[in-house]
Amino acid sequence: MIDLGTQRNVVAISQSDDDRALTATTKKILVTGLRSGVTESAVQSWLSGFGPVARVEIIREGNAANPCALVHMDIGDAAAAILVSRLSHHWHDGAMVNASLLHH
């Protein structure tokens, strides 16, 4: 399990990562495979357990029955990689979701 508690804008990953601390920066994570009735607040509540969620945008254009979410999170590079790995091919709310880190 990862611990993404923040203090002074620093994200601690875990002791197994040699107690390294990474400066948090905003990462954009695309989450696909969500259920049609998903809301921004539901995604924010779900992902806030992984770290600070700055903003959530639900994208319904193209396929309203299968929306995706663009999630802006204030986490470091390693934490973002761990999050994407844990959310890829993950069952959530009765749907198989996937996550990708968008590089900007």
PDB file of N, CA and C in Angstrom:
ATOM      1  N   MET A   1       0.841  -1.178   0.000  1.00  0.00           N
ATOM      2  CA  MET A   1       0.000   0.000   0.000  1.00  0.00           C
ATOM      3  C   MET A   1       0.884   1.237   0.000  1.00  0.00           C
ATOM      4  N   ILE A   2       0.453   2.255  -0.732  1.00  0.00           N
ATOM      5  CA  ILE A   2       1.251   3.475  -0.796  1.00  0.00           C
ATOM      6  C   ILE A   2       0.686   4.514   0.146  1.00  0.00           C
ATOM      7  N   ASP A   3       1.541   5.345   0.639  1.00  0.00           N
ATOM      8  CA  ASP A   3       1.154   6.439   1.510  1.00  0.00           C
ATOM      9  C   ASP A   3       1.517   7.727   0.807  1.00  0.00           C
ATOM     10  N   LEU A   4       0.489   8.484   0.449  1.00  0.00           N
ATOM     11  CA  LEU A   4       0.749   9.726  -0.275  1.00  0.00           C
ATOM     12  C   LEU A   4       0.356  10.941   0.560  1.00  0.00           C
ATOM     13  N   GLY A   5       0.569  10.863   1.877  1.00  0.00           N
ATOM     14  CA  GLY A   5       0.285  12.006   2.734  1.00  0.00           C
ATOM     15  C   GLY A   5       1.224  13.145   2.391  1.00  0.00           C
ATOM     16  N   THR A   6       0.706  14.375   2.385  1.00  0.00           N
ATOM     17  CA  THR A   6       1.557  15.502   2.001  1.00  0.00           C
ATOM     18  C   THR A   6       1.824  16.398   3.199  1.00  0.00           C
ATOM     19  N   GLN A   7       3.001  16.961   3.228  1.00  0.00           N
ATOM     20  CA  GLN A   7       3.391  17.977   4.193  1.00  0.00           C
ATOM     21  C   GLN A   7       4.325  18.927   3.470  1.00  0.00           C
ATOM     22  N   ARG A   8       4.039  20.206   3.537  1.00  0.00           N
ATOM     23  CA  ARG A   8       4.860  21.238   2.892  1.00  0.00           C
ATOM     24  C   ARG A   8       5.120  20.931   1.429  1.00  0.00           C
ATOM     25  N   ASN A   9       4.092  20.459   0.729  1.00  0.00           N
ATOM     26  CA  ASN A   9       4.157  20.229  -0.712  1.00  0.00           C
ATOM     27  C   ASN A   9       5.177  19.145  -1.084  1.00  0.00           C
ATOM     28  N   VAL A  10       5.401  18.172  -0.178  1.00  0.00           N
ATOM     29  CA  VAL A  10       6.303  17.057  -0.437  1.00  0.00           C
ATOM     30  C   VAL A  10       5.511  15.772  -0.290  1.00  0.00           C
ATOM     31  N   VAL A  11       5.717  14.813  -1.205  1.00  0.00           N
ATOM     32  CA  VAL A  11       5.005  13.549  -1.161  1.00  0.00           C
ATOM     33  C   VAL A  11       5.964  12.455  -0.737  1.00  0.00           C
ATOM     34  N   ALA A  12       5.646  11.745   0.329  1.00  0.00           N
ATOM     35  CA  ALA A  12       6.470  10.621   0.770  1.00  0.00           C
ATOM     36  C   ALA A  12       5.868   9.342   0.193  1.00  0.00           C
ATOM     37  N   ILE A  13       6.675   8.515  -0.442  1.00  0.00           N
ATOM     38  CA  ILE A  13       6.171   7.297  -1.077  1.00  0.00           C
ATOM     39  C   ILE A  13       6.103   6.169  -0.055  1.00  0.00           C
ATOM     40  N   SER A  14       7.216   5.648   0.423  1.00  0.00           N
ATOM     41  CA  SER A  14       7.241   4.624   1.460  1.00  0.00           C
ATOM     42  C   SER A  14       8.675   4.398   1.895  1.00  0.00           C
ATOM     43  N   GLN A  15       8.850   3.687   2.993  1.00  0.00           N
ATOM     44  CA  GLN A  15      10.193   3.409   3.453  1.00  0.00           C
ATOM     45  C   GLN A  15      10.926   2.494   2.479  1.00  0.00           C
ATOM     46  N   SER A  16      10.203   1.665   1.755  1.00  0.00           N
ATOM     47  CA  SER A  16      10.849   0.761   0.813  1.00  0.00           C
ATOM     48  C   SER A  16      11.468   1.520  -0.359  1.00  0.00           C
ATOM     49  N   ASP A  17      11.139   2.769  -0.520  1.00  0.00           N
ATOM     50  CA  ASP A  17      11.732   3.601  -1.567  1.00  0.00           C
ATOM     51  C   ASP A  17      12.865   4.450  -0.998  1.00  0.00           C
ATOM     52  N   ASP A  18      13.560   3.907  -0.007  1.00  0.00           N
ATOM     53  CA  ASP A  18      14.732   4.558   0.607  1.00  0.00           C
ATOM     54  C   ASP A  18      14.402   5.899   1.232  1.00  0.00           C
ATOM     55  N   ASP A  19      13.175   6.058   1.679  1.00  0.00           N
ATOM     56  CA  ASP A  19      12.751   7.295   2.343  1.00  0.00           C
ATOM     57  C   ASP A  19      12.994   8.544   1.514  1.00  0.00           C
ATOM     58  N   ARG A  20      12.973   8.384   0.196  1.00  0.00           N
ATOM     59  CA  ARG A  20      13.135   9.555  -0.662  1.00  0.00           C
ATOM     60  C   ARG A  20      11.841  10.355  -0.673  1.00  0.00           C
ATOM     61  N   ALA A  21      11.956  11.661  -0.697  1.00  0.00           N
ATOM     62  CA  ALA A  21      10.796  12.544  -0.799  1.00  0.00           C
ATOM     63  C   ALA A  21      10.871  13.249  -2.145  1.00  0.00           C
ATOM     64  N   LEU A  22       9.713  13.363  -2.787  1.00  0.00           N
ATOM     65  CA  LEU A  22       9.655  14.000  -4.097  1.00  0.00           C
ATOM     66  C   LEU A  22       8.810  15.254  -4.010  1.00  0.00           C
ATOM     67  N   THR A  23       9.221  16.300  -4.676  1.00  0.00           N
ATOM     68  CA  THR A  23       8.429  17.515  -4.718  1.00  0.00           C
ATOM     69  C   THR A  23       7.183  17.266  -5.540  1.00  0.00           C
ATOM     70  N   ALA A  24       6.051  17.621  -4.994  1.00  0.00           N
ATOM     71  CA  ALA A  24       4.784  17.395  -5.679  1.00  0.00           C
ATOM     72  C   ALA A  24       4.587  18.407  -6.797  1.00  0.00           C
ATOM     73  N   THR A  25       4.158  17.921  -7.936  1.00  0.00           N
ATOM     74  CA  THR A  25       3.773  18.769  -9.047  1.00  0.00           C
ATOM     75  C   THR A  25       2.467  18.226  -9.585  1.00  0.00           C
ATOM     76  N   THR A  26       1.734  19.037 -10.293  1.00  0.00           N
ATOM     77  CA  THR A  26       0.445  18.600 -10.808  1.00  0.00           C
ATOM     78  C   THR A  26       0.638  17.632 -11.966  1.00  0.00           C
ATOM     79  N   LYS A  27       0.019  16.475 -11.840  1.00  0.00           N
ATOM     80  CA  LYS A  27       0.051  15.445 -12.880  1.00  0.00           C
ATOM     81  C   LYS A  27      -1.357  15.290 -13.438  1.00  0.00           C
ATOM     82  N   LYS A  28      -1.444  15.031 -14.740  1.00  0.00           N
ATOM     83  CA  LYS A  28      -2.721  14.775 -15.386  1.00  0.00           C
ATOM     84  C   LYS A  28      -2.837  13.274 -15.616  1.00  0.00           C
ATOM     85  N   ILE A  29      -3.894  12.696 -15.072  1.00  0.00           N
ATOM     86  CA  ILE A  29      -4.123  11.268 -15.189  1.00  0.00           C
ATOM     87  C   ILE A  29      -5.464  11.058 -15.878  1.00  0.00           C
ATOM     88  N   LEU A  30      -5.440  10.282 -16.946  1.00  0.00           N
ATOM     89  CA  LEU A  30      -6.656   9.966 -17.684  1.00  0.00           C
ATOM     90  C   LEU A  30      -7.165   8.616 -17.194  1.00  0.00           C
ATOM     91  N   VAL A  31      -8.399   8.591 -16.697  1.00  0.00           N
ATOM     92  CA  VAL A  31      -9.030   7.367 -16.218  1.00  0.00           C
ATOM     93  C   VAL A  31     -10.167   7.027 -17.170  1.00  0.00           C
ATOM     94  N   THR A  32     -10.085   5.853 -17.797  1.00  0.00           N
ATOM     95  CA  THR A  32     -11.100   5.425 -18.762  1.00  0.00           C
ATOM     96  C   THR A  32     -11.871   4.232 -18.228  1.00  0.00           C
ATOM     97  N   GLY A  33     -13.002   3.939 -18.885  1.00  0.00           N
ATOM     98  CA  GLY A  33     -13.811   2.787 -18.520  1.00  0.00           C
ATOM     99  C   GLY A  33     -14.792   3.051 -17.396  1.00  0.00           C
ATOM    100  N   LEU A  34     -15.065   4.313 -17.094  1.00  0.00           N
ATOM    101  CA  LEU A  34     -15.971   4.661 -16.000  1.00  0.00           C
ATOM    102  C   LEU A  34     -17.422   4.409 -16.384  1.00  0.00           C
ATOM    103  N   ARG A  35     -18.267   4.251 -15.407  1.00  0.00           N
ATOM    104  CA  ARG A  35     -19.697   4.049 -15.657  1.00  0.00           C
ATOM    105  C   ARG A  35     -20.345   5.349 -16.110  1.00  0.00           C
ATOM    106  N   SER A  36     -21.455   5.236 -16.815  1.00  0.00           N
ATOM    107  CA  SER A  36     -22.091   6.405 -17.435  1.00  0.00           C
ATOM    108  C   SER A  36     -22.536   7.473 -16.443  1.00  0.00           C
ATOM    109  N   GLY A  37     -22.919   7.106 -15.244  1.00  0.00           N
ATOM    110  CA  GLY A  37     -23.420   8.074 -14.271  1.00  0.00           C
ATOM    111  C   GLY A  37     -22.363   8.678 -13.364  1.00  0.00           C
ATOM    112  N   VAL A  38     -21.101   8.486 -13.675  1.00  0.00           N
ATOM    113  CA  VAL A  38     -20.032   8.969 -12.808  1.00  0.00           C
ATOM    114  C   VAL A  38     -20.045  10.490 -12.704  1.00  0.00           C
ATOM    115  N   THR A  39     -19.679  10.996 -11.540  1.00  0.00           N
ATOM    116  CA  THR A  39     -19.631  12.444 -11.317  1.00  0.00           C
ATOM    117  C   THR A  39     -18.213  12.861 -10.927  1.00  0.00           C
ATOM    118  N   GLU A  40     -17.948  14.156 -11.068  1.00  0.00           N
ATOM    119  CA  GLU A  40     -16.647  14.686 -10.675  1.00  0.00           C
ATOM    120  C   GLU A  40     -16.385  14.437  -9.195  1.00  0.00           C
ATOM    121  N   SER A  41     -17.409  14.662  -8.369  1.00  0.00           N
ATOM    122  CA  SER A  41     -17.221  14.490  -6.927  1.00  0.00           C
ATOM    123  C   SER A  41     -16.955  13.031  -6.561  1.00  0.00           C
ATOM    124  N   ALA A  42     -17.566  12.084  -7.271  1.00  0.00           N
ATOM    125  CA  ALA A  42     -17.318  10.667  -6.992  1.00  0.00           C
ATOM    126  C   ALA A  42     -15.880  10.285  -7.332  1.00  0.00           C
ATOM    127  N   VAL A  43     -15.377  10.769  -8.466  1.00  0.00           N
ATOM    128  CA  VAL A  43     -13.993  10.480  -8.858  1.00  0.00           C
ATOM    129  C   VAL A  43     -13.031  11.146  -7.884  1.00  0.00           C
ATOM    130  N   GLN A  44     -13.317  12.383  -7.503  1.00  0.00           N
ATOM    131  CA  GLN A  44     -12.451  13.087  -6.562  1.00  0.00           C
ATOM    132  C   GLN A  44     -12.408  12.351  -5.227  1.00  0.00           C
ATOM    133  N   SER A  45     -13.547  11.911  -4.738  1.00  0.00           N
ATOM    134  CA  SER A  45     -13.605  11.182  -3.472  1.00  0.00           C
ATOM    135  C   SER A  45     -12.816   9.877  -3.556  1.00  0.00           C
ATOM    136  N   TRP A  46     -12.976   9.144  -4.654  1.00  0.00           N
ATOM    137  CA  TRP A  46     -12.291   7.870  -4.857  1.00  0.00           C
ATOM    138  C   TRP A  46     -10.771   8.050  -4.900  1.00  0.00           C
ATOM    139  N   LEU A  47     -10.292   9.015  -5.686  1.00  0.00           N
ATOM    140  CA  LEU A  47      -8.854   9.169  -5.892  1.00  0.00           C
ATOM    141  C   LEU A  47      -8.156  10.000  -4.826  1.00  0.00           C
ATOM    142  N   SER A  48      -8.904  10.695  -3.989  1.00  0.00           N
ATOM    143  CA  SER A  48      -8.272  11.502  -2.947  1.00  0.00           C
ATOM    144  C   SER A  48      -7.555  10.620  -1.922  1.00  0.00           C
ATOM    145  N   GLY A  49      -7.880   9.347  -1.880  1.00  0.00           N
ATOM    146  CA  GLY A  49      -7.149   8.430  -1.019  1.00  0.00           C
ATOM    147  C   GLY A  49      -5.732   8.184  -1.498  1.00  0.00           C
ATOM    148  N   PHE A  50      -5.434   8.531  -2.752  1.00  0.00           N
ATOM    149  CA  PHE A  50      -4.094   8.360  -3.315  1.00  0.00           C
ATOM    150  C   PHE A  50      -3.255   9.630  -3.250  1.00  0.00           C
ATOM    151  N   GLY A  51      -3.894  10.764  -3.003  1.00  0.00           N
ATOM    152  CA  GLY A  51      -3.181  12.037  -2.944  1.00  0.00           C
ATOM    153  C   GLY A  51      -4.120  13.188  -3.233  1.00  0.00           C
ATOM    154  N   PRO A  52      -3.618  14.410  -3.119  1.00  0.00           N
ATOM    155  CA  PRO A  52      -4.458  15.587  -3.320  1.00  0.00           C
ATOM    156  C   PRO A  52      -4.964  15.699  -4.764  1.00  0.00           C
ATOM    157  N   VAL A  53      -6.266  15.813  -4.910  1.00  0.00           N
ATOM    158  CA  VAL A  53      -6.887  15.978  -6.229  1.00  0.00           C
ATOM    159  C   VAL A  53      -7.193  17.459  -6.413  1.00  0.00           C
ATOM    160  N   ALA A  54      -6.558  18.068  -7.406  1.00  0.00           N
ATOM    161  CA  ALA A  54      -6.753  19.497  -7.666  1.00  0.00           C
ATOM    162  C   ALA A  54      -8.022  19.754  -8.472  1.00  0.00           C
ATOM    163  N   ARG A  55      -8.300  18.875  -9.450  1.00  0.00           N
ATOM    164  CA  ARG A  55      -9.462  19.089 -10.323  1.00  0.00           C
ATOM    165  C   ARG A  55      -9.802  17.785 -11.037  1.00  0.00           C
ATOM    166  N   VAL A  56     -11.094  17.613 -11.321  1.00  0.00           N
ATOM    167  CA  VAL A  56     -11.580  16.460 -12.088  1.00  0.00           C
ATOM    168  C   VAL A  56     -12.477  16.973 -13.196  1.00  0.00           C
ATOM    169  N   GLU A  57     -12.237  16.501 -14.409  1.00  0.00           N
ATOM    170  CA  GLU A  57     -13.091  16.828 -15.551  1.00  0.00           C
ATOM    171  C   GLU A  57     -13.624  15.516 -16.122  1.00  0.00           C
ATOM    172  N   ILE A  58     -14.936  15.377 -16.197  1.00  0.00           N
ATOM    173  CA  ILE A  58     -15.547  14.202 -16.819  1.00  0.00           C
ATOM    174  C   ILE A  58     -15.738  14.516 -18.300  1.00  0.00           C
ATOM    175  N   ILE A  59     -15.270  13.626 -19.153  1.00  0.00           N
ATOM    176  CA  ILE A  59     -15.371  13.806 -20.607  1.00  0.00           C
ATOM    177  C   ILE A  59     -16.372  12.793 -21.137  1.00  0.00           C
ATOM    178  N   ARG A  60     -17.489  13.296 -21.653  1.00  0.00           N
ATOM    179  CA  ARG A  60     -18.551  12.425 -22.161  1.00  0.00           C
ATOM    180  C   ARG A  60     -18.690  12.486 -23.678  1.00  0.00           C
ATOM    181  N   GLU A  61     -17.976  13.400 -24.318  1.00  0.00           N
ATOM    182  CA  GLU A  61     -18.057  13.533 -25.766  1.00  0.00           C
ATOM    183  C   GLU A  61     -17.545  12.252 -26.424  1.00  0.00           C
ATOM    184  N   GLY A  62     -18.234  11.840 -27.480  1.00  0.00           N
ATOM    185  CA  GLY A  62     -17.815  10.646 -28.208  1.00  0.00           C
ATOM    186  C   GLY A  62     -18.540   9.405 -27.748  1.00  0.00           C
ATOM    187  N   ASN A  63     -18.598   9.176 -26.436  1.00  0.00           N
ATOM    188  CA  ASN A  63     -19.260   7.985 -25.923  1.00  0.00           C
ATOM    189  C   ASN A  63     -19.777   8.284 -24.520  1.00  0.00           C
ATOM    190  N   ALA A  64     -20.982   8.838 -24.452  1.00  0.00           N
ATOM    191  CA  ALA A  64     -21.556   9.234 -23.164  1.00  0.00           C
ATOM    192  C   ALA A  64     -21.799   8.049 -22.243  1.00  0.00           C
ATOM    193  N   ALA A  65     -21.980   6.858 -22.815  1.00  0.00           N
ATOM    194  CA  ALA A  65     -22.210   5.663 -22.005  1.00  0.00           C
ATOM    195  C   ALA A  65     -20.919   5.152 -21.370  1.00  0.00           C
ATOM    196  N   ASN A  66     -19.782   5.617 -21.848  1.00  0.00           N
ATOM    197  CA  ASN A  66     -18.489   5.164 -21.339  1.00  0.00           C
ATOM    198  C   ASN A  66     -17.551   6.368 -21.189  1.00  0.00           C
ATOM    199  N   PRO A  67     -17.837   7.255 -20.215  1.00  0.00           N
ATOM    200  CA  PRO A  67     -17.040   8.472 -20.085  1.00  0.00           C
ATOM    201  C   PRO A  67     -15.650   8.188 -19.521  1.00  0.00           C
ATOM    202  N   CYS A  68     -14.798   9.183 -19.612  1.00  0.00           N
ATOM    203  CA  CYS A  68     -13.485   9.111 -18.984  1.00  0.00           C
ATOM    204  C   CYS A  68     -13.319  10.358 -18.122  1.00  0.00           C
ATOM    205  N   ALA A  69     -12.307  10.335 -17.288  1.00  0.00           N
ATOM    206  CA  ALA A  69     -12.046  11.470 -16.403  1.00  0.00           C
ATOM    207  C   ALA A  69     -10.611  11.928 -16.573  1.00  0.00           C
ATOM    208  N   LEU A  70     -10.432  13.225 -16.646  1.00  0.00           N
ATOM    209  CA  LEU A  70      -9.116  13.831 -16.632  1.00  0.00           C
ATOM    210  C   LEU A  70      -8.933  14.370 -15.218  1.00  0.00           C
ATOM    211  N   VAL A  71      -7.996  13.765 -14.494  1.00  0.00           N
ATOM    212  CA  VAL A  71      -7.799  14.083 -13.086  1.00  0.00           C
ATOM    213  C   VAL A  71      -6.461  14.792 -12.912  1.00  0.00           C
ATOM    214  N   HIS A  72      -6.492  15.964 -12.308  1.00  0.00           N
ATOM    215  CA  HIS A  72      -5.285  16.744 -12.014  1.00  0.00           C
ATOM    216  C   HIS A  72      -4.953  16.484 -10.547  1.00  0.00           C
ATOM    217  N   MET A  73      -3.799  15.864 -10.302  1.00  0.00           N
ATOM    218  CA  MET A  73      -3.395  15.529  -8.939  1.00  0.00           C
ATOM    219  C   MET A  73      -2.045  16.160  -8.610  1.00  0.00           C
ATOM    220  N   ASP A  74      -1.919  16.637  -7.390  1.00  0.00           N
ATOM    221  CA  ASP A  74      -0.678  17.251  -6.929  1.00  0.00           C
ATOM    222  C   ASP A  74       0.187  16.182  -6.261  1.00  0.00           C
ATOM    223  N   ILE A  75       0.855  15.382  -7.105  1.00  0.00           N
ATOM    224  CA  ILE A  75       1.698  14.292  -6.624  1.00  0.00           C
ATOM    225  C   ILE A  75       2.987  14.262  -7.442  1.00  0.00           C
ATOM    226  N   GLY A  76       3.987  13.593  -6.929  1.00  0.00           N
ATOM    227  CA  GLY A  76       5.271  13.487  -7.610  1.00  0.00           C
ATOM    228  C   GLY A  76       5.251  12.422  -8.696  1.00  0.00           C
ATOM    229  N   ASP A  77       6.362  12.329  -9.420  1.00  0.00           N
ATOM    230  CA  ASP A  77       6.480  11.394 -10.533  1.00  0.00           C
ATOM    231  C   ASP A  77       6.314   9.941 -10.101  1.00  0.00           C
ATOM    232  N   ALA A  78       7.007   9.553  -9.036  1.00  0.00           N
ATOM    233  CA  ALA A  78       6.939   8.159  -8.582  1.00  0.00           C
ATOM    234  C   ALA A  78       5.528   7.813  -8.096  1.00  0.00           C
ATOM    235  N   ALA A  79       4.909   8.722  -7.367  1.00  0.00           N
ATOM    236  CA  ALA A  79       3.554   8.484  -6.875  1.00  0.00           C
ATOM    237  C   ALA A  79       2.571   8.359  -8.036  1.00  0.00           C
ATOM    238  N   ALA A  80       2.745   9.168  -9.069  1.00  0.00           N
ATOM    239  CA  ALA A  80       1.877   9.093 -10.245  1.00  0.00           C
ATOM    240  C   ALA A  80       2.041   7.751 -10.951  1.00  0.00           C
ATOM    241  N   ALA A  81       3.273   7.281 -11.073  1.00  0.00           N
ATOM    242  CA  ALA A  81       3.525   5.986 -11.716  1.00  0.00           C
ATOM    243  C   ALA A  81       2.889   4.851 -10.926  1.00  0.00           C
ATOM    244  N   ILE A  82       2.998   4.900  -9.609  1.00  0.00           N
ATOM    245  CA  ILE A  82       2.386   3.879  -8.760  1.00  0.00           C
ATOM    246  C   ILE A  82       0.865   3.916  -8.892  1.00  0.00           C
ATOM    247  N   LEU A  83       0.292   5.115  -8.872  1.00  0.00           N
ATOM    248  CA  LEU A  83      -1.160   5.268  -9.003  1.00  0.00           C
ATOM    249  C   LEU A  83      -1.659   4.687 -10.319  1.00  0.00           C
ATOM    250  N   VAL A  84      -1.002   5.037 -11.421  1.00  0.00           N
ATOM    251  CA  VAL A  84      -1.410   4.540 -12.734  1.00  0.00           C
ATOM    252  C   VAL A  84      -1.305   3.017 -12.781  1.00  0.00           C
ATOM    253  N   SER A  85      -0.255   2.480 -12.207  1.00  0.00           N
ATOM    254  CA  SER A  85      -0.083   1.036 -12.170  1.00  0.00           C
ATOM    255  C   SER A  85      -1.201   0.354 -11.381  1.00  0.00           C
ATOM    256  N   ARG A  86      -1.566   0.934 -10.260  1.00  0.00           N
ATOM    257  CA  ARG A  86      -2.618   0.339  -9.419  1.00  0.00           C
ATOM    258  C   ARG A  86      -4.007   0.475 -10.027  1.00  0.00           C
ATOM    259  N   LEU A  87      -4.227   1.492 -10.849  1.00  0.00           N
ATOM    260  CA  LEU A  87      -5.553   1.702 -11.433  1.00  0.00           C
ATOM    261  C   LEU A  87      -5.717   1.045 -12.798  1.00  0.00           C
ATOM    262  N   SER A  88      -4.652   0.531 -13.367  1.00  0.00           N
ATOM    263  CA  SER A  88      -4.762  -0.114 -14.675  1.00  0.00           C
ATOM    264  C   SER A  88      -5.334  -1.512 -14.503  1.00  0.00           C
ATOM    265  N   HIS A  89      -6.371  -1.797 -15.289  1.00  0.00           N
ATOM    266  CA  HIS A  89      -7.083  -3.077 -15.224  1.00  0.00           C
ATOM    267  C   HIS A  89      -7.617  -3.329 -13.819  1.00  0.00           C
ATOM    268  N   HIS A  90      -8.262  -2.309 -13.280  1.00  0.00           N
ATOM    269  CA  HIS A  90      -8.785  -2.338 -11.909  1.00  0.00           C
ATOM    270  C   HIS A  90     -10.305  -2.255 -11.944  1.00  0.00           C
ATOM    271  N   TRP A  91     -10.961  -3.106 -11.180  1.00  0.00           N
ATOM    272  CA  TRP A  91     -12.423  -3.040 -11.089  1.00  0.00           C
ATOM    273  C   TRP A  91     -12.805  -1.966 -10.090  1.00  0.00           C
ATOM    274  N   HIS A  92     -13.661  -1.043 -10.532  1.00  0.00           N
ATOM    275  CA  HIS A  92     -14.165   0.009  -9.654  1.00  0.00           C
ATOM    276  C   HIS A  92     -15.626   0.264  -9.984  1.00  0.00           C
ATOM    277  N   ASP A  93     -16.460   0.165  -8.990  1.00  0.00           N
ATOM    278  CA  ASP A  93     -17.891   0.455  -9.144  1.00  0.00           C
ATOM    279  C   ASP A  93     -18.509  -0.372 -10.275  1.00  0.00           C
ATOM    280  N   GLY A  94     -18.105  -1.619 -10.389  1.00  0.00           N
ATOM    281  CA  GLY A  94     -18.676  -2.519 -11.387  1.00  0.00           C
ATOM    282  C   GLY A  94     -18.150  -2.351 -12.799  1.00  0.00           C
ATOM    283  N   ALA A  95     -17.061  -1.618 -12.957  1.00  0.00           N
ATOM    284  CA  ALA A  95     -16.489  -1.387 -14.292  1.00  0.00           C
ATOM    285  C   ALA A  95     -14.976  -1.584 -14.249  1.00  0.00           C
ATOM    286  N   MET A  96     -14.439  -2.074 -15.358  1.00  0.00           N
ATOM    287  CA  MET A  96     -12.985  -2.219 -15.477  1.00  0.00           C
ATOM    288  C   MET A  96     -12.411  -0.892 -15.936  1.00  0.00           C
ATOM    289  N   VAL A  97     -11.624  -0.255 -15.077  1.00  0.00           N
ATOM    290  CA  VAL A  97     -11.039   1.043 -15.417  1.00  0.00           C
ATOM    291  C   VAL A  97      -9.563   0.884 -15.751  1.00  0.00           C
ATOM    292  N   ASN A  98      -9.051   1.862 -16.449  1.00  0.00           N
ATOM    293  CA  ASN A  98      -7.628   1.957 -16.787  1.00  0.00           C
ATOM    294  C   ASN A  98      -7.195   3.391 -16.555  1.00  0.00           C
ATOM    295  N   ALA A  99      -5.910   3.554 -16.306  1.00  0.00           N
ATOM    296  CA  ALA A  99      -5.376   4.897 -16.085  1.00  0.00           C
ATOM    297  C   ALA A  99      -4.096   5.082 -16.884  1.00  0.00           C
ATOM    298  N   SER A 100      -3.903   6.301 -17.341  1.00  0.00           N
ATOM    299  CA  SER A 100      -2.693   6.668 -18.086  1.00  0.00           C
ATOM    300  C   SER A 100      -2.210   8.015 -17.593  1.00  0.00           C
ATOM    301  N   LEU A 101      -0.912   8.152 -17.473  1.00  0.00           N
ATOM    302  CA  LEU A 101      -0.316   9.427 -17.115  1.00  0.00           C
ATOM    303  C   LEU A 101      -0.102  10.216 -18.397  1.00  0.00           C
ATOM    304  N   LEU A 102      -0.667  11.418 -18.438  1.00  0.00           N
ATOM    305  CA  LEU A 102      -0.501  12.282 -19.617  1.00  0.00           C
ATOM    306  C   LEU A 102       0.692  13.180 -19.382  1.00  0.00           C
ATOM    307  N   HIS A 103       1.605  13.164 -20.292  1.00  0.00           N
ATOM    308  CA  HIS A 103       2.795  14.012 -20.192  1.00  0.00           C
ATOM    309  C   HIS A 103       2.508  15.321 -20.905  1.00  0.00           C
ATOM    310  N   HIS A 104       2.746  16.414 -20.224  1.00  0.00           N
ATOM    311  CA  HIS A 104       2.438  17.713 -20.809  1.00  0.00           C
ATOM    312  C   HIS A 104       3.645  18.537 -21.006  1.00  0.00           C
TER     313      HIS A 104
END
